Amino acid sequence: MSNPLHTPLCDKLGIEYPVVAFTHCKDVAVAVINAGGFAVLGEALHTPDQIAADIKWIRERIGGKPFGIDLVLPSSVPEEKSVDELLAMIPPEQREFEQMIKHKYNVPDPKVAPDIHHWGGLDQKRALDQLEVIFDERVPVFASGLGSPAFLLKRAHELGMQVWGLVGKPKQAKKQLAAGTDVIIAQGYDAAGHTGNIGTFSIVPQVVDAARGTGVPVIAAGGVTTGRHLAAALALGADGVWTGSLWLASRESDVNLPLKERLIEAETDDTVYSNCISGYTMRTTRSPWHNEWSSEAAPDVLKPPLQMILSSNYIQGSLDYQRKDLMTEAAGQGIHYVTEMKPARQILSDIVEEALDVFDRFAA
């Protein structure tokens, strides 16, 4: 009997298991890759020099195996603005509301400048400077969530790189397939972070249908945290799964301990789909920030990237002072199944074993 977990994605990447870990932590990425999976490191919050250093660090530890880097390619933001210029664009009404939240909940000032000040989503120049590093380093896989990667496909392919596109709508998938994207990640509403409003079980088979006959693998994303999810994704026609929340509380994860505890305690309905963090709709764990912005007294949420700049002091202050009561993190609806701090290798092994058990039951 053939291995039901060996898919075209495994062949395309030379990996053992069709499980992609999206993570902001280098240690998690290396652990998953060396355990037989694949990892994409989110680098949108880092400077070009930091990105180059991270790529070197990973390469030294994975013995020539492939890996990916994820960046944000924004289209509806300024071409170039300094952080001070962006701060000056925030209207008084929203600034006063942010200060009200700060005083009401005793939110501490950050110890250091927020990471978001380096975010590639702030302006197009930051994003393109980050992208140059990806080209210079010839990273095996480049993935992008916000914005279409169509304009960079030719250059990436000339350098021998794959380009992966995250989509939240079937029509986006069709555009990316037409443009020549190498892998499509069909991301459902269940997902953490910036996502669309179509459920995972609805979008995945539609994107699979759109990709049929093209040879382009489809990866299912959104709420995937167990082997049953992996088996279900393959049954829907996907070639693998994209997992994010699953790794946040892993032993290797550099997420700070109170936040790991918060995530382990979180239930599905503790995640909320809102634009109050970045100006784009995204799924994160609920916090006082969310509660206040959903109240009748709240002003309009600002357009990107101003809302992200506005929320950054709240987020950074909660982390710097380990204020668990204030913390928020991008987390998907599968967070219910993140219940303990396990090594990344064990997390991957558990998913694989559970998925194989599912297929064995069907075979029997």
Protein backbone atom coordinates (compact mmCIF):
# COMPACT_ATOMS: atom_id res chain seq x y z
CA MET A 1 0.00 0.00 0.00
CA SER A 2 1.34 3.42 -0.93
CA ASN A 3 2.00 6.03 1.73
CA PRO A 4 -1.09 8.31 1.81
CA LEU A 5 1.04 11.14 3.19
CA HIS A 6 3.46 11.12 0.27
CA THR A 7 2.07 13.80 -2.04
CA PRO A 8 3.34 15.78 -5.05
CA LEU A 9 4.36 18.51 -2.57
CA CYS A 10 6.77 16.04 -0.95
CA ASP A 11 8.33 15.37 -4.36
CA LYS A 12 8.50 19.06 -5.23
CA LEU A 13 10.36 19.90 -2.01
CA GLY A 14 12.17 16.65 -1.25
CA ILE A 15 10.47 16.35 2.15
CA GLU A 16 9.11 13.36 4.07
CA TYR A 17 5.82 14.82 5.33
CA PRO A 18 3.46 17.31 3.63
CA VAL A 19 3.37 19.62 6.65
CA VAL A 20 4.49 23.24 6.32
CA ALA A 21 5.24 25.14 9.52
CA PHE A 22 4.82 28.90 9.26
CA THR A 23 6.77 30.44 12.13
CA HIS A 24 8.57 33.61 13.16
CA CYS A 25 11.14 31.56 15.13
CA LYS A 26 14.32 30.22 13.50
CA ASP A 27 14.65 27.37 16.01
CA VAL A 28 11.17 26.09 15.21
CA ALA A 29 11.89 26.24 11.48
CA VAL A 30 15.10 24.24 11.82
CA ALA A 31 13.50 21.66 14.12
CA VAL A 32 10.60 21.02 11.72
CA ILE A 33 12.83 20.84 8.64
CA ASN A 34 15.22 18.40 10.30
CA ALA A 35 12.26 16.26 11.42
CA GLY A 36 11.05 15.76 7.85
CA GLY A 37 8.62 18.64 7.37
CA PHE A 38 9.01 22.03 5.69
CA ALA A 39 9.16 25.48 7.25
CA VAL A 40 8.52 29.03 6.09
CA LEU A 41 10.02 31.74 8.29
CA GLY A 42 8.03 34.96 8.60
CA GLU A 43 10.50 37.83 8.19
CA ALA A 44 8.24 40.83 7.56
CA LEU A 45 9.17 42.37 10.95
CA HIS A 46 12.93 42.27 10.36
CA THR A 47 15.44 44.60 8.70
CA PRO A 48 17.26 43.40 5.58
CA ASP A 49 20.42 42.75 7.64
CA GLN A 50 18.47 40.66 10.16
CA ILE A 51 16.85 38.67 7.34
CA ALA A 52 20.25 37.92 5.77
CA ALA A 53 21.62 36.80 9.17
CA ASP A 54 18.60 34.54 9.78
CA ILE A 55 18.97 32.88 6.37
CA LYS A 56 22.65 32.18 7.06
CA TRP A 57 21.81 30.79 10.52
CA ILE A 58 19.20 28.40 9.11
CA ARG A 59 21.40 27.21 6.25
CA GLU A 60 24.17 26.30 8.68
CA ARG A 61 21.80 23.95 10.51
CA ILE A 62 19.73 22.12 7.88
CA GLY A 63 22.36 20.54 5.65
CA GLY A 64 21.20 21.79 2.27
CA LYS A 65 17.51 21.07 2.82
CA PRO A 66 15.05 23.61 1.35
CA PHE A 67 13.24 26.28 3.37
CA GLY A 68 11.05 29.30 2.74
CA ILE A 69 10.79 32.96 3.71
CA ASP A 70 7.49 34.85 3.98
CA LEU A 71 7.19 38.61 3.47
CA VAL A 72 4.34 41.08 3.12
CA LEU A 73 4.07 42.84 -0.25
CA PRO A 74 1.62 45.70 0.36
CA SER A 75 -0.06 47.55 -2.46
CA SER A 76 -2.33 50.03 -0.64
CA VAL A 77 0.34 51.76 1.45
CA PRO A 78 2.66 54.73 0.77
CA GLU A 79 5.69 54.25 -1.48
CA GLU A 80 8.03 55.51 1.22
CA LYS A 81 7.36 57.00 4.66
CA SER A 82 9.40 57.19 7.86
CA VAL A 83 7.86 55.96 11.11
CA ASP A 84 7.69 59.57 12.33
CA GLU A 85 5.84 60.62 9.17
CA LEU A 86 3.36 57.76 9.62
CA LEU A 87 2.84 58.65 13.29
CA ALA A 88 2.10 62.23 12.27
CA MET A 89 -0.66 60.98 9.93
CA ILE A 90 -2.69 59.46 12.79
CA PRO A 91 -5.74 61.70 13.46
CA PRO A 92 -6.28 63.15 16.97
CA GLU A 93 -9.49 61.17 17.56
CA GLN A 94 -7.80 57.79 17.15
CA ARG A 95 -4.72 58.92 19.08
CA GLU A 96 -6.90 60.04 22.00
CA PHE A 97 -8.73 56.70 21.98
CA GLU A 98 -5.41 54.84 22.11
CA GLN A 99 -4.36 56.98 25.09
CA MET A 100 -7.67 56.26 26.82
CA ILE A 101 -7.01 52.52 26.52
CA LYS A 102 -3.49 53.02 27.84
CA HIS A 103 -4.70 54.80 30.98
CA LYS A 104 -7.75 52.58 31.56
CA TYR A 105 -5.71 49.38 31.55
CA ASN A 106 -2.39 50.80 32.82
CA VAL A 107 -0.61 49.76 29.63
CA PRO A 108 3.16 50.28 30.07
CA ASP A 109 5.27 52.12 27.54
CA PRO A 110 7.49 49.76 25.51
CA LYS A 111 11.08 49.30 26.67
CA VAL A 112 12.27 49.35 23.05
CA ALA A 113 10.88 50.59 19.75
CA PRO A 114 8.13 48.23 18.58
CA ASP A 115 9.15 45.53 16.09
CA ILE A 116 6.40 46.80 13.84
CA HIS A 117 8.56 49.83 13.01
CA HIS A 118 10.49 47.48 10.67
CA TRP A 119 7.36 45.82 9.23
CA GLY A 120 7.42 45.46 5.47
CA GLY A 121 3.74 46.40 5.42
CA LEU A 122 4.43 50.00 6.46
CA ASP A 123 5.52 51.18 3.03
CA GLN A 124 6.51 49.74 -0.32
CA LYS A 125 10.21 50.63 0.01
CA ARG A 126 10.63 48.58 3.20
CA ALA A 127 8.99 45.59 1.53
CA LEU A 128 11.12 45.85 -1.60
CA ASP A 129 14.35 46.25 0.43
CA GLN A 130 13.45 43.04 2.28
CA LEU A 131 12.66 41.32 -1.02
CA GLU A 132 16.10 42.17 -2.43
CA VAL A 133 17.68 40.07 0.33
CA ILE A 134 15.51 37.11 -0.67
CA PHE A 135 16.76 37.42 -4.25
CA ASP A 136 20.38 37.98 -3.22
CA GLU A 137 20.29 34.85 -1.07
CA ARG A 138 18.36 32.81 -3.67
CA VAL A 139 16.02 31.50 -0.99
CA PRO A 140 14.47 28.22 -2.26
CA VAL A 141 10.87 29.31 -1.55
CA PHE A 142 9.39 32.79 -1.29
CA ALA A 143 5.85 33.07 0.10
CA SER A 144 3.63 36.13 0.20
CA GLY A 145 0.32 36.75 1.93
CA LEU A 146 -0.72 40.36 1.31
CA GLY A 147 -0.42 41.42 -2.30
CA SER A 148 0.16 39.45 -5.48
CA PRO A 149 3.62 38.04 -6.22
CA ALA A 150 3.04 38.26 -10.00
CA PHE A 151 5.55 41.07 -10.60
CA LEU A 152 8.42 39.09 -9.07
CA LEU A 153 7.77 35.68 -10.60
CA LYS A 154 10.06 36.10 -13.63
CA ARG A 155 13.05 37.17 -11.54
CA ALA A 156 12.47 34.47 -8.92
CA HIS A 157 12.21 31.73 -11.53
CA GLU A 158 15.38 32.94 -13.26
CA LEU A 159 17.15 32.47 -9.92
CA GLY A 160 15.74 28.97 -9.46
CA MET A 161 13.34 30.02 -6.69
CA GLN A 162 9.76 28.91 -6.12
CA VAL A 163 7.05 31.49 -5.41
CA TRP A 164 4.10 30.53 -3.23
CA GLY A 165 0.94 32.60 -2.96
CA LEU A 166 -1.50 32.66 -0.04
CA VAL A 167 -5.05 33.27 -1.20
CA GLY A 168 -8.36 33.78 0.56
CA LYS A 169 -10.63 33.69 -2.49
CA PRO A 170 -10.87 31.30 -5.46
CA LYS A 171 -10.59 34.21 -7.92
CA GLN A 172 -7.23 35.15 -6.35
CA ALA A 173 -6.06 31.57 -6.87
CA LYS A 174 -7.03 31.71 -10.56
CA LYS A 175 -5.04 34.94 -11.02
CA GLN A 176 -1.98 33.45 -9.37
CA LEU A 177 -2.23 30.24 -11.35
CA ALA A 178 -2.40 32.28 -14.56
CA ALA A 179 0.65 34.27 -13.46
CA GLY A 180 2.73 31.12 -12.91
CA THR A 181 2.81 30.82 -9.12
CA ASP A 182 4.44 27.51 -8.12
CA VAL A 183 2.28 26.58 -5.12
CA ILE A 184 -1.06 27.96 -3.91
CA ILE A 185 -1.94 28.11 -0.21
CA ALA A 186 -5.73 28.14 0.12
CA GLN A 187 -6.29 29.87 3.43
CA GLY A 188 -9.66 29.73 5.15
CA TYR A 189 -11.39 32.05 7.60
CA ASP A 190 -10.31 29.74 10.46
CA ALA A 191 -6.69 30.87 10.02
CA ALA A 192 -4.56 33.08 12.22
CA GLY A 193 -3.48 36.49 11.02
CA HIS A 194 -4.61 38.19 7.83
CA THR A 195 -7.19 35.99 6.15
CA GLY A 196 -10.34 36.16 4.07
CA ASN A 197 -13.94 35.37 5.04
CA ILE A 198 -14.40 31.96 3.35
CA GLY A 199 -14.16 28.88 5.57
CA THR A 200 -11.33 26.39 5.13
CA PHE A 201 -13.63 23.51 4.10
CA SER A 202 -15.18 25.75 1.45
CA ILE A 203 -12.12 27.38 -0.09
CA VAL A 204 -9.76 24.40 -0.26
CA PRO A 205 -11.78 22.21 -2.69
CA GLN A 206 -12.59 25.24 -4.85
CA VAL A 207 -8.89 26.09 -5.20
CA VAL A 208 -8.09 22.41 -5.82
CA ASP A 209 -10.65 22.47 -8.65
CA ALA A 210 -9.09 25.64 -10.08
CA ALA A 211 -5.61 24.07 -10.01
CA ARG A 212 -6.64 20.72 -11.48
CA GLY A 213 -4.56 19.86 -14.54
CA THR A 214 -1.96 22.59 -13.92
CA GLY A 215 0.44 20.48 -11.84
CA VAL A 216 0.46 23.22 -9.18
CA PRO A 217 0.18 21.80 -5.65
CA VAL A 218 -2.44 23.26 -3.31
CA ILE A 219 -1.79 23.56 0.41
CA ALA A 220 -4.67 23.84 2.88
CA ALA A 221 -4.45 26.48 5.61
CA GLY A 222 -6.74 27.64 8.36
CA GLY A 223 -7.31 25.97 11.72
CA VAL A 224 -4.99 23.03 11.02
CA THR A 225 -3.60 21.72 14.31
CA THR A 226 -4.11 17.92 14.29
CA GLY A 227 -3.52 14.83 12.20
CA ARG A 228 -7.24 14.64 11.56
CA HIS A 229 -7.02 18.08 9.97
CA LEU A 230 -4.14 16.85 7.79
CA ALA A 231 -6.11 13.76 6.69
CA ALA A 232 -9.17 15.92 5.97
CA ALA A 233 -7.12 18.36 3.89
CA LEU A 234 -5.74 15.52 1.77
CA ALA A 235 -9.28 14.15 1.38
CA LEU A 236 -10.34 17.56 0.05
CA GLY A 237 -7.66 17.27 -2.62
CA ALA A 238 -4.89 19.37 -1.04
CA ASP A 239 -1.26 18.23 -1.29
CA GLY A 240 -0.36 19.31 2.24
CA VAL A 241 -1.16 21.64 5.10
CA TRP A 242 0.08 25.03 6.25
CA THR A 243 0.25 25.27 10.04
CA GLY A 244 1.00 28.31 12.20
CA SER A 245 -0.69 28.45 15.61
CA LEU A 246 0.47 24.88 16.21
CA TRP A 247 4.08 25.96 16.79
CA LEU A 248 3.56 29.07 18.94
CA ALA A 249 3.71 27.17 22.25
CA SER A 250 6.38 24.66 21.17
CA ARG A 251 9.49 24.23 23.31
CA GLU A 252 11.67 25.86 20.66
CA SER A 253 9.36 28.85 20.14
CA ASP A 254 10.72 32.22 21.26
CA VAL A 255 7.21 33.45 22.14
CA ASN A 256 7.42 34.77 25.68
CA LEU A 257 6.26 32.38 28.42
CA PRO A 258 3.14 34.24 29.64
CA LEU A 259 1.94 34.48 26.04
CA LYS A 260 2.55 30.74 25.54
CA GLU A 261 0.45 30.12 28.64
CA ARG A 262 -2.26 32.40 27.29
CA LEU A 263 -2.32 30.48 24.00
CA ILE A 264 -2.46 27.09 25.74
CA GLU A 265 -5.42 28.32 27.80
CA ALA A 266 -7.20 29.79 24.76
CA GLU A 267 -10.30 28.24 23.26
CA THR A 268 -11.67 28.62 19.75
CA ASP A 269 -13.99 31.47 20.70
CA ASP A 270 -11.10 33.36 22.33
CA THR A 271 -9.94 34.21 18.82
CA VAL A 272 -11.54 37.19 17.14
CA TYR A 273 -11.67 38.34 13.49
CA SER A 274 -11.09 42.08 13.51
CA ASN A 275 -9.30 44.94 11.74
CA CYS A 276 -8.41 46.78 14.97
CA ILE A 277 -4.80 45.57 15.06
CA SER A 278 -3.55 46.33 11.55
CA GLY A 279 -6.41 47.87 9.59
CA TYR A 280 -6.73 44.61 7.65
CA THR A 281 -9.09 41.94 8.95
CA MET A 282 -7.06 39.38 10.87
CA ARG A 283 -7.63 36.67 13.47
CA THR A 284 -5.95 37.16 16.83
CA THR A 285 -6.64 36.29 20.46
CA ARG A 286 -9.06 38.66 22.16
CA SER A 287 -7.63 41.39 24.41
CA PRO A 288 -8.73 44.67 26.04
CA TRP A 289 -7.61 46.42 22.83
CA HIS A 290 -10.18 44.41 20.85
CA ASN A 291 -12.92 44.97 23.40
CA GLU A 292 -12.50 48.75 23.35
CA TRP A 293 -12.34 49.00 19.54
CA SER A 294 -15.55 46.98 19.24
CA SER A 295 -17.42 49.33 21.59
CA GLU A 296 -19.87 52.00 20.41
CA ALA A 297 -17.51 54.69 21.67
CA ALA A 298 -14.70 53.62 19.34
CA PRO A 299 -13.72 55.86 16.42
CA ASP A 300 -13.25 54.47 12.91
CA VAL A 301 -10.42 51.99 12.48
CA LEU A 302 -7.61 53.56 10.42
CA LYS A 303 -6.56 52.33 7.02
CA PRO A 304 -3.30 50.33 6.76
CA PRO A 305 -0.61 50.90 7.79
CA LEU A 306 -1.73 53.57 10.31
CA GLN A 307 -3.77 51.23 12.51
CA MET A 308 -0.77 48.92 12.89
CA ILE A 309 1.39 51.84 13.96
CA LEU A 310 -1.33 52.93 16.40
CA SER A 311 -1.62 49.49 18.04
CA SER A 312 2.13 48.83 18.19
CA ASN A 313 2.87 50.49 21.55
CA TYR A 314 0.05 48.56 23.22
CA ILE A 315 1.31 45.25 21.81
CA GLN A 316 5.00 45.90 22.52
CA GLY A 317 4.33 47.20 26.04
CA SER A 318 2.31 44.09 26.93
CA LEU A 319 5.17 41.85 25.77
CA ASP A 320 8.04 43.85 27.28
CA TYR A 321 6.42 43.80 30.72
CA GLN A 322 4.89 40.30 30.37
CA ARG A 323 1.37 41.60 30.95
CA LYS A 324 -0.56 38.42 30.18
CA ASP A 325 -3.86 40.26 30.80
CA LEU A 326 -3.12 42.60 27.87
CA MET A 327 -1.45 40.26 25.39
CA THR A 328 -2.74 39.37 21.95
CA GLU A 329 -1.29 37.12 19.28
CA ALA A 330 -2.30 35.91 15.84
CA ALA A 331 -3.95 32.53 16.46
CA GLY A 332 -6.33 30.38 14.43
CA GLN A 333 -9.52 28.59 15.42
CA GLY A 334 -7.62 25.32 15.82
CA ILE A 335 -5.98 26.75 18.97
CA HIS A 336 -8.21 24.47 21.09
CA TYR A 337 -5.82 21.62 20.27
CA VAL A 338 -2.68 23.51 21.38
CA THR A 339 -2.67 22.27 24.97
CA GLU A 340 0.95 21.82 26.06
CA MET A 341 4.53 22.88 25.33
CA LYS A 342 5.99 20.05 23.28
CA PRO A 343 9.18 19.88 21.16
CA ALA A 344 8.53 20.70 17.51
CA ARG A 345 9.75 17.26 16.43
CA GLN A 346 7.12 15.62 18.66
CA ILE A 347 4.38 17.95 17.41
CA LEU A 348 5.15 16.92 13.82
CA SER A 349 5.36 13.24 14.76
CA ASP A 350 2.01 13.40 16.57
CA ILE A 351 0.28 14.94 13.53
CA VAL A 352 1.74 12.34 11.17
CA GLU A 353 0.82 9.40 13.42
CA GLU A 354 -2.75 10.64 13.89
CA ALA A 355 -3.22 11.19 10.15
CA LEU A 356 -1.92 7.69 9.38
CA ASP A 357 -4.30 6.26 11.99
CA VAL A 358 -7.19 7.96 10.18
CA PHE A 359 -6.19 6.42 6.84
CA ASP A 360 -5.68 3.02 8.47
CA ARG A 361 -9.24 3.16 9.86
CA PHE A 362 -10.64 3.93 6.41
CA ALA A 363 -8.54 1.19 4.81
CA ALA A 364 -9.87 -1.30 7.35
